[in-house]
Protein backbone atom coordinates (compact mmCIF):
# COMPACT_ATOMS: atom_id res chain seq x y z
CA MET A 1 0.00 0.00 0.00
CA PRO A 2 2.77 2.56 0.76
CA ARG A 3 4.20 1.94 -2.72
CA LEU A 4 0.75 2.40 -4.32
CA ALA A 5 0.17 5.64 -2.42
CA ALA A 6 3.57 6.98 -3.47
CA ALA A 7 2.86 6.09 -7.09
CA LEU A 8 -0.48 7.89 -6.99
CA ARG A 9 1.16 10.97 -5.53
CA GLY A 10 3.73 10.91 -8.33
CA LEU A 11 0.98 10.72 -10.96
CA ALA A 12 -0.78 13.69 -9.37
CA VAL A 13 2.37 15.80 -9.51
CA THR A 14 2.96 14.84 -13.15
CA ALA A 15 -0.62 15.75 -14.08
CA ALA A 16 -0.30 19.12 -12.40
CA THR A 17 2.69 20.06 -14.52
CA LEU A 18 0.64 19.48 -17.67
CA VAL A 19 -1.99 22.07 -16.84
CA SER A 20 -1.71 24.92 -19.35
CA VAL A 21 -3.01 27.68 -17.10
CA ALA A 22 -2.25 28.65 -13.52
CA ALA A 23 -5.31 29.35 -11.36
CA LEU A 24 -4.25 31.69 -8.57
CA PRO A 25 -6.12 34.10 -6.31
CA SER A 26 -6.73 37.51 -7.84
CA GLY A 27 -6.42 40.80 -6.02
CA ALA A 28 -4.22 43.85 -6.36
CA GLU A 29 -2.49 42.27 -9.35
CA ALA A 30 -5.59 43.05 -11.40
CA GLN A 31 -4.42 46.64 -11.52
CA GLN A 32 -0.64 46.16 -11.58
CA PRO A 33 1.17 47.39 -14.73
CA HIS A 34 3.25 44.29 -15.44
CA GLY A 35 2.08 42.06 -12.61
CA THR A 36 2.50 41.42 -8.92
CA PRO A 37 5.10 39.28 -7.15
CA SER A 38 4.24 35.58 -7.20
CA SER A 39 5.73 32.29 -8.34
CA ALA A 40 5.40 32.35 -12.12
CA PRO A 41 5.43 29.18 -14.23
CA ALA A 42 8.30 28.79 -16.64
CA ALA A 43 7.68 28.99 -20.38
CA PRO A 44 6.94 25.66 -22.11
CA ALA A 45 9.96 23.55 -22.94
CA LYS A 46 11.32 23.94 -26.44
CA GLY A 47 9.34 21.73 -28.79
CA ALA A 48 6.40 21.43 -26.41
CA LYS A 49 2.96 21.97 -27.90
CA ASP A 50 1.52 25.39 -27.16
CA PRO A 51 -1.73 25.54 -25.20
CA LYS A 52 -4.85 26.89 -26.92
CA ALA A 53 -7.07 29.73 -25.80
CA PRO A 54 -10.39 28.82 -24.22
CA LYS A 55 -13.49 29.50 -26.33
CA GLU A 56 -14.15 32.77 -24.48
CA PHE A 57 -11.17 34.44 -26.22
CA VAL A 58 -11.50 36.31 -29.51
CA ALA A 59 -9.39 38.43 -31.84
CA LEU A 60 -10.37 42.07 -31.31
CA ARG A 61 -10.25 42.64 -35.07
CA ASP A 62 -13.07 40.11 -35.50
CA VAL A 63 -15.24 42.07 -33.08
CA ASP A 64 -14.30 45.60 -34.16
CA PRO A 65 -11.92 46.07 -37.11
CA THR A 66 -12.05 49.89 -36.73
CA ILE A 67 -10.02 49.94 -33.51
CA ARG A 68 -6.39 50.68 -34.36
CA GLN A 69 -3.75 48.22 -33.24
CA GLU A 70 -0.11 49.13 -32.59
CA MET A 71 1.12 46.06 -30.76
CA ARG A 72 4.33 47.33 -29.22
CA TYR A 73 5.56 44.09 -27.67
CA TYR A 74 5.64 42.40 -31.07
CA THR A 75 8.21 45.02 -32.06
CA PRO A 76 11.50 46.22 -30.50
CA HIS A 77 9.88 49.55 -29.56
CA ASN A 78 9.27 48.77 -25.90
CA PHE A 79 11.15 49.18 -22.61
CA MET A 80 13.30 46.09 -23.33
CA GLY A 81 14.20 47.02 -26.90
CA VAL A 82 13.46 43.57 -28.36
CA PRO A 83 10.32 41.71 -29.46
CA VAL A 84 8.77 40.03 -26.42
CA THR A 85 8.51 36.25 -26.08
CA GLY A 86 5.02 34.95 -26.84
CA TYR A 87 3.95 37.64 -29.29
CA GLN A 88 3.97 35.59 -32.47
CA LYS A 89 1.65 37.96 -34.35
CA PRO A 90 0.89 41.69 -33.99
CA MET A 91 -2.70 41.19 -32.89
CA CYS A 92 -4.95 41.89 -29.93
CA LEU A 93 -6.57 38.92 -28.21
CA LEU A 94 -9.13 39.47 -25.44
CA THR A 95 -12.02 37.75 -23.74
CA ARG A 96 -15.20 38.31 -25.72
CA ASP A 97 -16.75 40.35 -22.90
CA ALA A 98 -13.82 42.78 -22.91
CA ALA A 99 -13.69 42.97 -26.72
CA GLU A 100 -17.41 43.72 -26.98
CA ALA A 101 -17.12 46.39 -24.29
CA LEU A 102 -14.29 48.01 -26.27
CA HIS A 103 -16.51 47.92 -29.35
CA ARG A 104 -19.26 49.78 -27.49
CA ALA A 105 -16.75 52.41 -26.36
CA GLN A 106 -15.38 52.71 -29.89
CA VAL A 107 -18.85 53.40 -31.32
CA SER A 108 -19.18 56.36 -28.94
CA PHE A 109 -15.69 57.68 -29.64
CA LEU A 110 -16.17 57.45 -33.40
CA LYS A 111 -19.21 59.71 -33.14
CA GLU A 112 -16.95 62.33 -31.56
CA GLY A 113 -14.25 61.98 -34.22
CA TYR A 114 -11.85 59.76 -32.26
CA THR A 115 -10.66 56.18 -32.45
CA LEU A 116 -9.26 53.85 -29.84
CA LYS A 117 -5.76 52.46 -30.40
CA VAL A 118 -4.51 49.45 -28.45
CA TYR A 119 -0.86 48.90 -27.53
CA ASP A 120 -1.28 45.61 -25.66
CA CYS A 121 -4.12 43.23 -24.79
CA TYR A 122 -3.86 39.64 -23.58
CA ARG A 123 -0.27 38.94 -22.49
CA PRO A 124 0.97 35.35 -22.10
CA GLN A 125 2.80 34.33 -18.93
CA ARG A 126 5.94 33.61 -20.96
CA ALA A 127 6.01 37.31 -21.91
CA VAL A 128 5.81 38.30 -18.24
CA ASN A 129 8.66 35.87 -17.54
CA HIS A 130 10.67 37.64 -20.26
CA PHE A 131 10.08 40.99 -18.50
CA VAL A 132 11.30 39.52 -15.22
CA GLU A 133 14.48 38.10 -16.73
CA TRP A 134 15.21 41.41 -18.44
CA ALA A 135 14.69 43.34 -15.20
CA LYS A 136 17.30 41.14 -13.47
CA ASP A 137 19.91 41.95 -16.13
CA LEU A 138 21.12 45.33 -14.89
CA ASP A 139 23.62 45.65 -17.73
CA ASP A 140 20.88 45.84 -20.39
CA GLN A 141 19.68 49.43 -20.32
CA ARG A 142 19.43 50.12 -24.03
CA MET A 143 15.95 51.71 -23.77
CA LYS A 144 16.44 53.65 -20.52
CA GLY A 145 16.62 56.99 -22.31
CA GLU A 146 13.02 56.71 -23.45
CA PHE A 147 11.08 54.54 -21.03
CA TYR A 148 12.70 54.98 -17.60
CA PRO A 149 15.15 57.92 -17.71
CA GLN A 150 14.73 58.80 -14.03
CA VAL A 151 14.27 55.30 -12.59
CA ASP A 152 17.15 53.08 -11.45
CA LYS A 153 16.66 49.72 -13.14
CA SER A 154 17.67 47.94 -9.94
CA THR A 155 14.50 49.27 -8.28
CA LEU A 156 11.97 48.25 -10.96
CA PHE A 157 10.59 45.41 -8.80
CA GLU A 158 10.55 47.51 -5.64
CA ASP A 159 8.85 50.39 -7.43
CA GLY A 160 6.19 48.09 -8.88
CA TYR A 161 7.00 48.54 -12.56
CA ILE A 162 7.96 44.89 -13.13
CA ALA A 163 6.63 41.79 -11.35
CA GLU A 164 5.99 38.10 -11.91
CA LYS A 165 2.25 38.14 -12.57
CA SER A 166 0.09 40.39 -14.72
CA GLY A 167 -3.64 40.96 -14.94
CA HIS A 168 -3.12 41.09 -18.73
CA SER A 169 -2.61 37.31 -18.64
CA ARG A 170 -6.24 36.87 -17.58
CA GLY A 171 -7.47 38.36 -20.85
CA SER A 172 -9.67 41.29 -19.80
CA THR A 173 -6.99 44.00 -19.46
CA VAL A 174 -5.90 46.31 -22.25
CA ASP A 175 -3.38 49.14 -22.73
CA LEU A 176 -4.72 51.79 -25.08
CA THR A 177 -5.07 55.43 -26.08
CA LEU A 178 -7.14 57.71 -28.30
CA ALA A 179 -6.31 59.23 -31.68
CA LYS A 180 -8.08 62.01 -33.55
CA LEU A 181 -9.44 60.97 -36.94
CA PRO A 182 -8.10 60.75 -39.53
CA ALA A 183 -5.05 59.24 -37.82
CA LEU A 184 -2.03 58.48 -39.99
CA PRO A 185 0.02 55.43 -38.92
CA THR A 186 2.90 55.99 -36.51
CA ARG A 187 6.28 55.51 -38.15
CA PRO A 188 8.18 52.41 -37.02
CA TYR A 189 10.94 52.64 -34.44
CA VAL A 190 14.43 52.04 -35.81
CA PRO A 191 16.63 50.15 -33.32
CA GLY A 192 19.59 52.28 -32.32
CA GLU A 193 17.97 55.61 -33.14
CA PRO A 194 18.37 58.41 -30.56
CA LEU A 195 15.97 58.03 -27.63
CA ARG A 196 13.87 60.81 -26.17
CA PRO A 197 12.31 60.83 -22.66
CA CYS A 198 8.76 59.52 -22.58
CA TYR A 199 7.69 62.38 -20.30
CA GLY A 200 8.92 65.23 -22.52
CA PRO A 201 6.72 67.58 -24.57
CA GLN A 202 4.76 65.71 -27.23
CA ASP A 203 6.78 67.11 -30.14
CA GLU A 204 9.98 65.94 -28.44
CA ARG A 205 8.84 62.37 -27.66
CA PHE A 206 8.83 59.46 -30.08
CA PRO A 207 6.11 60.34 -32.63
CA ASP A 208 2.69 58.85 -31.95
CA ASN A 209 -0.57 59.57 -33.73
CA SER A 210 -2.48 59.62 -30.43
CA LEU A 211 -3.81 62.54 -28.42
CA ASP A 212 -1.28 64.16 -26.10
CA MET A 213 -1.65 62.33 -22.79
CA GLY A 214 1.35 63.96 -21.11
CA THR A 215 3.63 60.92 -21.46
CA GLY A 216 4.16 58.15 -23.93
CA PHE A 217 2.91 54.58 -23.43
CA ASP A 218 4.79 52.47 -20.85
CA CYS A 219 6.48 55.49 -19.33
CA PHE A 220 8.00 54.40 -16.02
CA ASP A 221 7.43 57.73 -14.30
CA THR A 222 4.97 59.18 -11.80
CA LEU A 223 3.78 61.59 -14.51
CA ALA A 224 2.04 58.55 -16.00
CA HIS A 225 -0.28 58.37 -12.96
CA THR A 226 -3.70 59.07 -14.44
CA LEU A 227 -4.62 62.01 -12.20
CA ASP A 228 -1.12 63.32 -11.42
CA PRO A 229 -1.71 67.00 -10.53
CA ARG A 230 1.14 68.14 -12.77
CA ILE A 231 -0.87 67.00 -15.79
CA LYS A 232 -3.13 69.91 -16.67
CA GLY A 233 -5.00 71.53 -19.54
CA GLU A 234 -5.37 69.60 -22.77
CA GLN A 235 -3.36 66.62 -21.50
CA ARG A 236 -5.64 66.16 -18.48
CA LYS A 237 -8.72 66.65 -20.66
CA ASN A 238 -7.50 63.91 -23.00
CA ARG A 239 -6.84 61.47 -20.15
CA LEU A 240 -10.32 62.06 -18.73
CA LEU A 241 -11.88 61.68 -22.17
CA LEU A 242 -10.34 58.22 -22.45
CA LYS A 243 -11.06 57.26 -18.83
CA GLU A 244 -14.66 58.40 -18.71
CA GLY A 245 -15.49 56.94 -22.11
CA LEU A 246 -14.17 53.50 -21.12
CA GLU A 247 -15.77 53.59 -17.69
CA LYS A 248 -19.18 53.89 -19.35
CA THR A 249 -18.74 50.43 -20.86
CA GLY A 250 -17.40 48.68 -17.76
CA PHE A 251 -13.65 49.34 -17.71
CA VAL A 252 -11.72 50.35 -14.59
CA ASN A 253 -8.50 52.34 -14.85
CA TYR A 254 -5.30 51.48 -12.98
CA GLU A 255 -4.49 54.77 -11.27
CA ASN A 256 -0.73 54.58 -11.88
CA GLU A 257 -1.03 54.21 -15.68
CA TRP A 258 -3.33 56.35 -17.76
CA TRP A 259 -3.36 53.72 -20.54
CA HIS A 260 -4.21 50.61 -18.43
CA PHE A 261 -7.84 49.42 -18.13
CA THR A 262 -9.52 46.21 -16.97
CA PHE A 263 -13.04 45.18 -17.94
CA GLN A 264 -15.06 44.09 -14.94
CA PRO A 265 -16.36 41.65 -14.00
CA GLU A 266 -13.48 39.71 -15.51
CA THR A 267 -14.32 36.53 -17.40
CA PHE A 268 -11.36 34.77 -15.77
CA PRO A 269 -10.67 36.61 -12.50
CA ASP A 270 -8.43 33.88 -11.06
CA THR A 271 -6.69 32.37 -14.09
CA TYR A 272 -3.42 33.28 -15.82
CA PHE A 273 -2.97 31.93 -19.35
CA ASP A 274 0.13 31.17 -21.40
CA PHE A 275 -1.03 30.49 -24.96
CA PRO A 276 0.89 32.61 -27.51
CA VAL A 277 -0.52 35.72 -29.18
CA ALA A 278 -1.38 34.25 -32.57
CA ARG A 279 -4.43 33.40 -34.66
CA LYS A 280 -3.58 29.74 -34.28
CA SER A 281 -4.26 29.99 -30.55
CA LEU A 282 -7.91 30.47 -31.51
CA ALA A 283 -7.85 27.73 -34.17
CA GLY A 284 -11.13 25.86 -34.50
CA ARG A 285 -12.95 28.15 -32.09
CA HIS A 286 -13.81 31.23 -34.16
């Protein structure tokens, strides 16, 4: 009997390692920029089959093709300076509830001459793991001049900018902005080009076709706090336009990032997914 019990325990452990999502308690991490400290699962072993998205996930473009998409983590124009692991295609995946809520917001913004533009949507756990590994490499500071000019990289965990879990991995959180129509595409970032602080005047920051929100996207600076009192005039008006428009359709803003919103109630409030950002993750479901 002891041998049988030990064997059964071994089978249980093996089965647990095959689960493709990690169900963990939710809480403050729902509103954290890149997560909250926790034990994060490692990315799948090389050659392992990628998990699929549950049927509740959709491609935003299938729900509303008018919403602009500038998926920064698919490109090297982000705080790490390289494409992020897990972003196999430049597309926005979300739970259907969140995507349909964005569509309702977009309909209202279009009537006023604006369009939503998303920078990031669902984020696989392997991408969060990539952030964590980058944050531990203090020698890699290639993008400091734009994204965190006044922040010491060694304090990114302590300051809450980087952590091991992200509400994005649950599928109902989105990073986005507003652009005035007609909005010409933003030029691509050229690796190695001179960097400009994300908190500088709009005409001195990296060009973006969005409204002036006071900082660029993913700016690791207190000026990015949605209601920072130093943000006034047109910049404050633009932040409130985005915030109030999204709140009407069920989104809640994370107070430390003007661009970060979570649809509530979340479809998966306790589950972190790791399927890659790609159409194939939805294969056979939509």
